[in-house]
Amino acid sequence: MRVDKWLWAARFFKTRSLASDATESGKVQVNGERAKPAKAVKPGDTIHLRKPPYEYSLVVKALSDRRGPAKEAQLLYEETAESIAARAALSAELREMPPPLFKGRPTKKDRRDIEKFFAAREDE
């Protein structure tokens, strides 16, 4: 089975094209080697997937041609203990970070406040 199709069936990506793009861009390794989308996977293979900000280390347990429910998808792989611990640590670290100062494009009021601030600095 193709690695991009397996990643899609295991519900790591919403579409097969997203799985294929991630594989082509080098975010997927099968048995320690960079994989192309058509790389064949079989039970027992190890897959290392970088899906920022997280990284997954998976062992293929089963294959499936169709994308079933999430409960069935979880039966297709087993995540390593190190991978689970690393993701939990990163998740805790991200939760402790302060929220971003800016969220998207400034509003009209924000823009006026910024202009007023810089105009006041020039007058000094």
C-alpha atoms as a PDB file:
ATOM      1  CA  MET A   1       0.000   0.000   0.000  1.00  0.00           C
ATOM      2  CA  ARG A   2       1.194   3.530  -0.793  1.00  0.00           C
ATOM      3  CA  VAL A   3       2.399   5.593   2.168  1.00  0.00           C
ATOM      4  CA  ASP A   4       0.292   8.632   1.223  1.00  0.00           C
ATOM      5  CA  LYS A   5      -2.833   6.485   1.021  1.00  0.00           C
ATOM      6  CA  TRP A   6      -2.036   4.866   4.370  1.00  0.00           C
ATOM      7  CA  LEU A   7      -1.508   8.258   6.069  1.00  0.00           C
ATOM      8  CA  TRP A   8      -4.863   9.392   4.696  1.00  0.00           C
ATOM      9  CA  ALA A   9      -6.616   6.188   5.821  1.00  0.00           C
ATOM     10  CA  ALA A  10      -4.999   6.486   9.283  1.00  0.00           C
ATOM     11  CA  ARG A  11      -6.453  10.014   9.495  1.00  0.00           C
ATOM     12  CA  PHE A  12      -3.206  11.949   9.797  1.00  0.00           C
ATOM     13  CA  PHE A  13      -4.268  14.075   6.819  1.00  0.00           C
ATOM     14  CA  LYS A  14      -7.708  15.190   5.707  1.00  0.00           C
ATOM     15  CA  THR A  15      -7.107  14.520   2.016  1.00  0.00           C
ATOM     16  CA  ARG A  16      -4.821  12.261   0.058  1.00  0.00           C
ATOM     17  CA  SER A  17      -3.353  15.236  -1.767  1.00  0.00           C
ATOM     18  CA  LEU A  18      -2.276  16.780   1.573  1.00  0.00           C
ATOM     19  CA  ALA A  19      -0.660  13.470   2.532  1.00  0.00           C
ATOM     20  CA  SER A  20       1.059  13.311  -0.842  1.00  0.00           C
ATOM     21  CA  ASP A  21       2.334  16.900  -0.545  1.00  0.00           C
ATOM     22  CA  ALA A  22       3.737  16.240   2.942  1.00  0.00           C
ATOM     23  CA  THR A  23       5.475  13.115   1.687  1.00  0.00           C
ATOM     24  CA  GLU A  24       6.960  14.914  -1.318  1.00  0.00           C
ATOM     25  CA  SER A  25       8.235  17.758   0.882  1.00  0.00           C
ATOM     26  CA  GLY A  26      10.245  15.340   3.043  1.00  0.00           C
ATOM     27  CA  LYS A  27       8.075  15.310   6.158  1.00  0.00           C
ATOM     28  CA  VAL A  28       7.637  11.533   6.038  1.00  0.00           C
ATOM     29  CA  GLN A  29      10.313   8.883   6.533  1.00  0.00           C
ATOM     30  CA  VAL A  30       9.715   5.156   6.222  1.00  0.00           C
ATOM     31  CA  ASN A  31      12.228   2.922   8.011  1.00  0.00           C
ATOM     32  CA  GLY A  32      14.618   5.866   8.381  1.00  0.00           C
ATOM     33  CA  GLU A  33      14.621   6.821   4.687  1.00  0.00           C
ATOM     34  CA  ARG A  34      12.888   9.746   3.032  1.00  0.00           C
ATOM     35  CA  ALA A  35       9.778   8.460   1.303  1.00  0.00           C
ATOM     36  CA  LYS A  36       8.036   9.373  -1.920  1.00  0.00           C
ATOM     37  CA  PRO A  37       4.211   9.213  -2.019  1.00  0.00           C
ATOM     38  CA  ALA A  38       4.225   5.853  -3.839  1.00  0.00           C
ATOM     39  CA  LYS A  39       6.559   4.185  -1.294  1.00  0.00           C
ATOM     40  CA  ALA A  40       5.059   0.868  -0.245  1.00  0.00           C
ATOM     41  CA  VAL A  41       4.401   0.266   3.436  1.00  0.00           C
ATOM     42  CA  LYS A  42       3.646  -3.021   5.139  1.00  0.00           C
ATOM     43  CA  PRO A  43       2.875  -4.055   8.717  1.00  0.00           C
ATOM     44  CA  GLY A  44       5.959  -3.686  10.908  1.00  0.00           C
ATOM     45  CA  ASP A  45       7.365  -0.643   9.081  1.00  0.00           C
ATOM     46  CA  THR A  46       8.238   2.442  11.121  1.00  0.00           C
ATOM     47  CA  ILE A  47       7.055   5.835   9.933  1.00  0.00           C
ATOM     48  CA  HIS A  48       8.425   9.132  11.215  1.00  0.00           C
ATOM     49  CA  LEU A  49       6.009  11.972  10.443  1.00  0.00           C
ATOM     50  CA  ARG A  50       6.683  15.679  11.017  1.00  0.00           C
ATOM     51  CA  LYS A  51       3.435  17.600  11.212  1.00  0.00           C
ATOM     52  CA  PRO A  52       4.494  20.911  12.790  1.00  0.00           C
ATOM     53  CA  PRO A  53       4.715  21.570  15.637  1.00  0.00           C
ATOM     54  CA  TYR A  54       4.479  17.850  16.476  1.00  0.00           C
ATOM     55  CA  GLU A  55       6.456  14.807  15.368  1.00  0.00           C
ATOM     56  CA  TYR A  56       5.091  11.268  15.370  1.00  0.00           C
ATOM     57  CA  SER A  57       6.949   7.938  15.396  1.00  0.00           C
ATOM     58  CA  LEU A  58       4.572   5.197  14.304  1.00  0.00           C
ATOM     59  CA  VAL A  59       4.709   1.459  13.764  1.00  0.00           C
ATOM     60  CA  VAL A  60       2.360   0.196  11.053  1.00  0.00           C
ATOM     61  CA  LYS A  61       0.105  -2.517  12.474  1.00  0.00           C
ATOM     62  CA  ALA A  62      -2.408  -2.955   9.638  1.00  0.00           C
ATOM     63  CA  LEU A  63      -3.345  -1.660   6.187  1.00  0.00           C
ATOM     64  CA  SER A  64      -6.647  -0.261   4.983  1.00  0.00           C
ATOM     65  CA  ASP A  65      -7.688   0.925   1.533  1.00  0.00           C
ATOM     66  CA  ARG A  66     -10.590   2.955   2.845  1.00  0.00           C
ATOM     67  CA  ARG A  67     -10.797   5.846   5.279  1.00  0.00           C
ATOM     68  CA  GLY A  68     -13.011   4.587   8.055  1.00  0.00           C
ATOM     69  CA  PRO A  69     -14.036   5.979  11.418  1.00  0.00           C
ATOM     70  CA  ALA A  70     -11.395   7.294  13.809  1.00  0.00           C
ATOM     71  CA  LYS A  71     -11.705   4.211  16.035  1.00  0.00           C
ATOM     72  CA  GLU A  72     -10.782   1.970  13.078  1.00  0.00           C
ATOM     73  CA  ALA A  73      -7.983   4.327  12.011  1.00  0.00           C
ATOM     74  CA  GLN A  74      -6.336   4.049  15.429  1.00  0.00           C
ATOM     75  CA  LEU A  75      -6.049   0.300  14.924  1.00  0.00           C
ATOM     76  CA  LEU A  76      -3.808   0.833  11.868  1.00  0.00           C
ATOM     77  CA  TYR A  77      -0.795   2.061  13.872  1.00  0.00           C
ATOM     78  CA  GLU A  78       0.895   2.148  17.242  1.00  0.00           C
ATOM     79  CA  GLU A  79       2.703   5.267  18.379  1.00  0.00           C
ATOM     80  CA  THR A  80       5.977   4.745  20.234  1.00  0.00           C
ATOM     81  CA  ALA A  81       6.239   5.690  23.923  1.00  0.00           C
ATOM     82  CA  GLU A  82       9.022   8.203  23.188  1.00  0.00           C
ATOM     83  CA  SER A  83       6.845   9.931  20.606  1.00  0.00           C
ATOM     84  CA  ILE A  84       3.898  10.194  22.994  1.00  0.00           C
ATOM     85  CA  ALA A  85       6.134  11.616  25.753  1.00  0.00           C
ATOM     86  CA  ALA A  86       7.757  14.149  23.400  1.00  0.00           C
ATOM     87  CA  ARG A  87       4.382  15.348  22.102  1.00  0.00           C
ATOM     88  CA  ALA A  88       3.020  15.696  25.653  1.00  0.00           C
ATOM     89  CA  ALA A  89       6.084  17.718  26.725  1.00  0.00           C
ATOM     90  CA  LEU A  90       5.819  20.004  23.686  1.00  0.00           C
ATOM     91  CA  SER A  91       2.086  20.447  24.247  1.00  0.00           C
ATOM     92  CA  ALA A  92       2.677  21.465  27.873  1.00  0.00           C
ATOM     93  CA  GLU A  93       5.407  23.870  26.790  1.00  0.00           C
ATOM     94  CA  LEU A  94       3.146  25.481  24.182  1.00  0.00           C
ATOM     95  CA  ARG A  95       0.347  25.888  26.754  1.00  0.00           C
ATOM     96  CA  GLU A  96       2.716  27.760  29.089  1.00  0.00           C
ATOM     97  CA  MET A  97       3.771  30.263  26.429  1.00  0.00           C
ATOM     98  CA  PRO A  98       2.189  33.719  26.577  1.00  0.00           C
ATOM     99  CA  PRO A  99      -0.548  34.429  24.039  1.00  0.00           C
ATOM    100  CA  PRO A 100       0.508  36.267  20.876  1.00  0.00           C
ATOM    101  CA  LEU A 101       0.396  40.067  21.044  1.00  0.00           C
ATOM    102  CA  PHE A 102      -1.216  40.510  17.647  1.00  0.00           C
ATOM    103  CA  LYS A 103      -3.956  38.374  16.206  1.00  0.00           C
ATOM    104  CA  GLY A 104      -4.191  39.028  12.505  1.00  0.00           C
ATOM    105  CA  ARG A 105      -4.694  42.307  10.762  1.00  0.00           C
ATOM    106  CA  PRO A 106      -5.225  45.438  12.899  1.00  0.00           C
ATOM    107  CA  THR A 107      -8.678  47.006  12.949  1.00  0.00           C
ATOM    108  CA  LYS A 108      -9.300  50.578  11.888  1.00  0.00           C
ATOM    109  CA  LYS A 109      -9.202  51.684  15.533  1.00  0.00           C
ATOM    110  CA  ASP A 110      -5.936  49.780  16.098  1.00  0.00           C
ATOM    111  CA  ARG A 111      -4.391  51.453  13.051  1.00  0.00           C
ATOM    112  CA  ARG A 112      -5.398  54.912  14.306  1.00  0.00           C
ATOM    113  CA  ASP A 113      -3.953  54.161  17.762  1.00  0.00           C
ATOM    114  CA  ILE A 114      -0.677  53.021  16.168  1.00  0.00           C
ATOM    115  CA  GLU A 115      -0.484  56.149  14.019  1.00  0.00           C
ATOM    116  CA  LYS A 116      -1.207  58.331  17.077  1.00  0.00           C
ATOM    117  CA  PHE A 117       1.538  56.538  19.019  1.00  0.00           C
ATOM    118  CA  PHE A 118       4.150  57.071  16.299  1.00  0.00           C
ATOM    119  CA  ALA A 119       3.091  60.685  15.758  1.00  0.00           C
ATOM    120  CA  ALA A 120       3.578  61.349  19.492  1.00  0.00           C
ATOM    121  CA  ARG A 121       7.062  59.761  19.344  1.00  0.00           C
ATOM    122  CA  GLU A 122       8.069  62.036  16.446  1.00  0.00           C
ATOM    123  CA  ASP A 123       7.032  65.135  18.387  1.00  0.00           C
ATOM    124  CA  GLU A 124       9.410  64.304  21.257  1.00  0.00           C
END
